[in-house]
Amino acid sequence: MDNVNIWVNPMVNLFKPSMKIIFVVICVGDYVVIGAKIPRETKKLMDELGIKPGPLIRRAVNEEIRRRLLSRLEEEARELSSELPYISDEEIAELIREDRGR
């Protein structure tokens, strides 16, 4: 357990000063444990239906990362296309023919 780090950060609850909130982040090697608050009824339904939150959260996070990266690339492509000079279809065809001839 040499590569396990645990941080506990007690904080005073601003709404109820007598109650403390504790945030825990656990790092194990290259992984980090994250959590999410969900309604009690949702958790109950997940248990009844046999839904494991880990794979579901990982899939949702990966899909959101993919969506945002694609969005960023589309924006960069739009910016670059406005900066590039217009190239006619004939010129593109000629460049392809030249490249095939090599």
C-alpha atoms as a PDB file:
ATOM      1  CA  MET A   1       0.000   0.000   0.000  1.00  0.00           C
ATOM      2  CA  ASP A   2       2.934   2.307  -0.684  1.00  0.00           C
ATOM      3  CA  ASN A   3       1.153   4.085  -3.529  1.00  0.00           C
ATOM      4  CA  VAL A   4      -2.093   4.845  -1.669  1.00  0.00           C
ATOM      5  CA  ASN A   5      -2.723   8.444  -0.636  1.00  0.00           C
ATOM      6  CA  ILE A   6      -5.726   9.552   1.385  1.00  0.00           C
ATOM      7  CA  TRP A   7      -6.647  13.192   1.995  1.00  0.00           C
ATOM      8  CA  VAL A   8      -9.306  14.083   4.531  1.00  0.00           C
ATOM      9  CA  ASN A   9     -10.410  17.700   4.590  1.00  0.00           C
ATOM     10  CA  PRO A  10     -12.803  18.601   7.409  1.00  0.00           C
ATOM     11  CA  MET A  11     -14.735  21.810   6.768  1.00  0.00           C
ATOM     12  CA  VAL A  12     -17.288  23.728   8.763  1.00  0.00           C
ATOM     13  CA  ASN A  13     -20.746  23.559   7.254  1.00  0.00           C
ATOM     14  CA  LEU A  14     -21.803  27.152   6.577  1.00  0.00           C
ATOM     15  CA  PHE A  15     -25.482  26.273   6.909  1.00  0.00           C
ATOM     16  CA  LYS A  16     -25.125  24.271  10.119  1.00  0.00           C
ATOM     17  CA  PRO A  17     -21.916  25.334  11.923  1.00  0.00           C
ATOM     18  CA  SER A  18     -22.315  22.517  14.454  1.00  0.00           C
ATOM     19  CA  MET A  19     -22.044  19.932  11.642  1.00  0.00           C
ATOM     20  CA  LYS A  20     -18.774  19.288   9.854  1.00  0.00           C
ATOM     21  CA  ILE A  21     -18.499  18.105   6.265  1.00  0.00           C
ATOM     22  CA  ILE A  22     -15.671  15.757   5.407  1.00  0.00           C
ATOM     23  CA  PHE A  23     -14.393  15.434   1.857  1.00  0.00           C
ATOM     24  CA  VAL A  24     -12.282  12.370   1.157  1.00  0.00           C
ATOM     25  CA  VAL A  25     -10.196  11.850  -1.957  1.00  0.00           C
ATOM     26  CA  ILE A  26      -8.493   8.501  -2.276  1.00  0.00           C
ATOM     27  CA  CYS A  27      -5.715   8.002  -4.823  1.00  0.00           C
ATOM     28  CA  VAL A  28      -4.587   4.472  -5.562  1.00  0.00           C
ATOM     29  CA  GLY A  29      -1.768   4.380  -8.088  1.00  0.00           C
ATOM     30  CA  ASP A  30      -3.025   6.091 -11.232  1.00  0.00           C
ATOM     31  CA  TYR A  31      -6.677   6.052 -10.146  1.00  0.00           C
ATOM     32  CA  VAL A  32      -8.757   8.550  -8.157  1.00  0.00           C
ATOM     33  CA  VAL A  33     -12.014   7.730  -6.389  1.00  0.00           C
ATOM     34  CA  ILE A  34     -14.820  10.206  -7.051  1.00  0.00           C
ATOM     35  CA  GLY A  35     -18.340  10.288  -5.683  1.00  0.00           C
ATOM     36  CA  ALA A  36     -21.707  11.766  -6.532  1.00  0.00           C
ATOM     37  CA  LYS A  37     -24.757  12.593  -4.460  1.00  0.00           C
ATOM     38  CA  ILE A  38     -27.944  11.011  -5.751  1.00  0.00           C
ATOM     39  CA  PRO A  39     -31.431  10.840  -4.252  1.00  0.00           C
ATOM     40  CA  ARG A  40     -31.992   7.938  -1.871  1.00  0.00           C
ATOM     41  CA  GLU A  41     -34.807   6.615  -4.103  1.00  0.00           C
ATOM     42  CA  THR A  42     -32.441   6.520  -7.102  1.00  0.00           C
ATOM     43  CA  LYS A  43     -29.922   4.467  -5.102  1.00  0.00           C
ATOM     44  CA  LYS A  44     -32.690   2.125  -3.992  1.00  0.00           C
ATOM     45  CA  LEU A  45     -33.782   1.590  -7.621  1.00  0.00           C
ATOM     46  CA  MET A  46     -30.166   1.038  -8.691  1.00  0.00           C
ATOM     47  CA  ASP A  47     -29.812  -1.673  -6.052  1.00  0.00           C
ATOM     48  CA  GLU A  48     -33.113  -3.304  -7.032  1.00  0.00           C
ATOM     49  CA  LEU A  49     -32.156  -3.309 -10.721  1.00  0.00           C
ATOM     50  CA  GLY A  50     -28.586  -4.457 -10.102  1.00  0.00           C
ATOM     51  CA  ILE A  51     -27.042  -1.326 -11.584  1.00  0.00           C
ATOM     52  CA  LYS A  52     -23.441  -0.850 -10.522  1.00  0.00           C
ATOM     53  CA  PRO A  53     -22.516   2.849 -10.367  1.00  0.00           C
ATOM     54  CA  GLY A  54     -18.803   2.437 -11.189  1.00  0.00           C
ATOM     55  CA  PRO A  55     -19.104   1.314 -14.827  1.00  0.00           C
ATOM     56  CA  LEU A  56     -21.992   3.727 -15.380  1.00  0.00           C
ATOM     57  CA  ILE A  57     -20.030   6.723 -14.051  1.00  0.00           C
ATOM     58  CA  ARG A  58     -16.884   5.761 -16.006  1.00  0.00           C
ATOM     59  CA  ARG A  59     -18.885   5.438 -19.248  1.00  0.00           C
ATOM     60  CA  ALA A  60     -20.673   8.772 -18.698  1.00  0.00           C
ATOM     61  CA  VAL A  61     -17.420  10.591 -17.884  1.00  0.00           C
ATOM     62  CA  ASN A  62     -15.658   9.108 -20.926  1.00  0.00           C
ATOM     63  CA  GLU A  63     -18.571  10.020 -23.220  1.00  0.00           C
ATOM     64  CA  GLU A  64     -18.606  13.599 -21.913  1.00  0.00           C
ATOM     65  CA  ILE A  65     -14.834  13.898 -22.383  1.00  0.00           C
ATOM     66  CA  ARG A  66     -15.168  12.586 -25.947  1.00  0.00           C
ATOM     67  CA  ARG A  67     -18.041  14.993 -26.705  1.00  0.00           C
ATOM     68  CA  ARG A  68     -16.150  18.013 -25.393  1.00  0.00           C
ATOM     69  CA  LEU A  69     -12.914  17.085 -27.182  1.00  0.00           C
ATOM     70  CA  LEU A  70     -14.819  16.714 -30.463  1.00  0.00           C
ATOM     71  CA  SER A  71     -16.494  20.060 -29.865  1.00  0.00           C
ATOM     72  CA  ARG A  72     -13.108  21.672 -29.232  1.00  0.00           C
ATOM     73  CA  LEU A  73     -11.679  20.123 -32.417  1.00  0.00           C
ATOM     74  CA  GLU A  74     -14.666  21.309 -34.474  1.00  0.00           C
ATOM     75  CA  GLU A  75     -14.172  24.851 -33.184  1.00  0.00           C
ATOM     76  CA  GLU A  76     -10.451  24.734 -33.996  1.00  0.00           C
ATOM     77  CA  ALA A  77     -11.243  23.389 -37.481  1.00  0.00           C
ATOM     78  CA  ARG A  78     -13.695  26.247 -38.079  1.00  0.00           C
ATOM     79  CA  GLU A  79     -11.086  28.792 -36.990  1.00  0.00           C
ATOM     80  CA  LEU A  80      -8.421  27.223 -39.203  1.00  0.00           C
ATOM     81  CA  SER A  81     -10.717  26.955 -42.229  1.00  0.00           C
ATOM     82  CA  SER A  82     -11.438  30.669 -42.082  1.00  0.00           C
ATOM     83  CA  GLU A  83      -7.704  31.383 -42.014  1.00  0.00           C
ATOM     84  CA  LEU A  84      -6.804  29.092 -44.922  1.00  0.00           C
ATOM     85  CA  PRO A  85      -7.036  30.471 -48.444  1.00  0.00           C
ATOM     86  CA  TYR A  86      -9.696  29.053 -50.720  1.00  0.00           C
ATOM     87  CA  ILE A  87      -8.398  26.227 -52.933  1.00  0.00           C
ATOM     88  CA  SER A  88     -10.418  25.375 -56.035  1.00  0.00           C
ATOM     89  CA  ASP A  89     -11.535  21.828 -56.847  1.00  0.00           C
ATOM     90  CA  GLU A  90      -9.403  21.867 -59.992  1.00  0.00           C
ATOM     91  CA  GLU A  91      -6.292  22.744 -58.005  1.00  0.00           C
ATOM     92  CA  ILE A  92      -7.013  19.966 -55.500  1.00  0.00           C
ATOM     93  CA  ALA A  93      -7.472  17.465 -58.345  1.00  0.00           C
ATOM     94  CA  GLU A  94      -4.185  18.588 -59.923  1.00  0.00           C
ATOM     95  CA  LEU A  95      -2.335  18.225 -56.607  1.00  0.00           C
ATOM     96  CA  ILE A  96      -3.738  14.699 -56.202  1.00  0.00           C
ATOM     97  CA  ARG A  97      -2.640  13.759 -59.762  1.00  0.00           C
ATOM     98  CA  GLU A  98       0.843  15.111 -59.080  1.00  0.00           C
ATOM     99  CA  ASP A  99       1.065  13.156 -55.848  1.00  0.00           C
ATOM    100  CA  ARG A 100      -0.032   9.916 -57.577  1.00  0.00           C
ATOM    101  CA  GLY A 101       2.642  10.430 -60.215  1.00  0.00           C
ATOM    102  CA  ARG A 102       5.434  10.336 -57.617  1.00  0.00           C
END
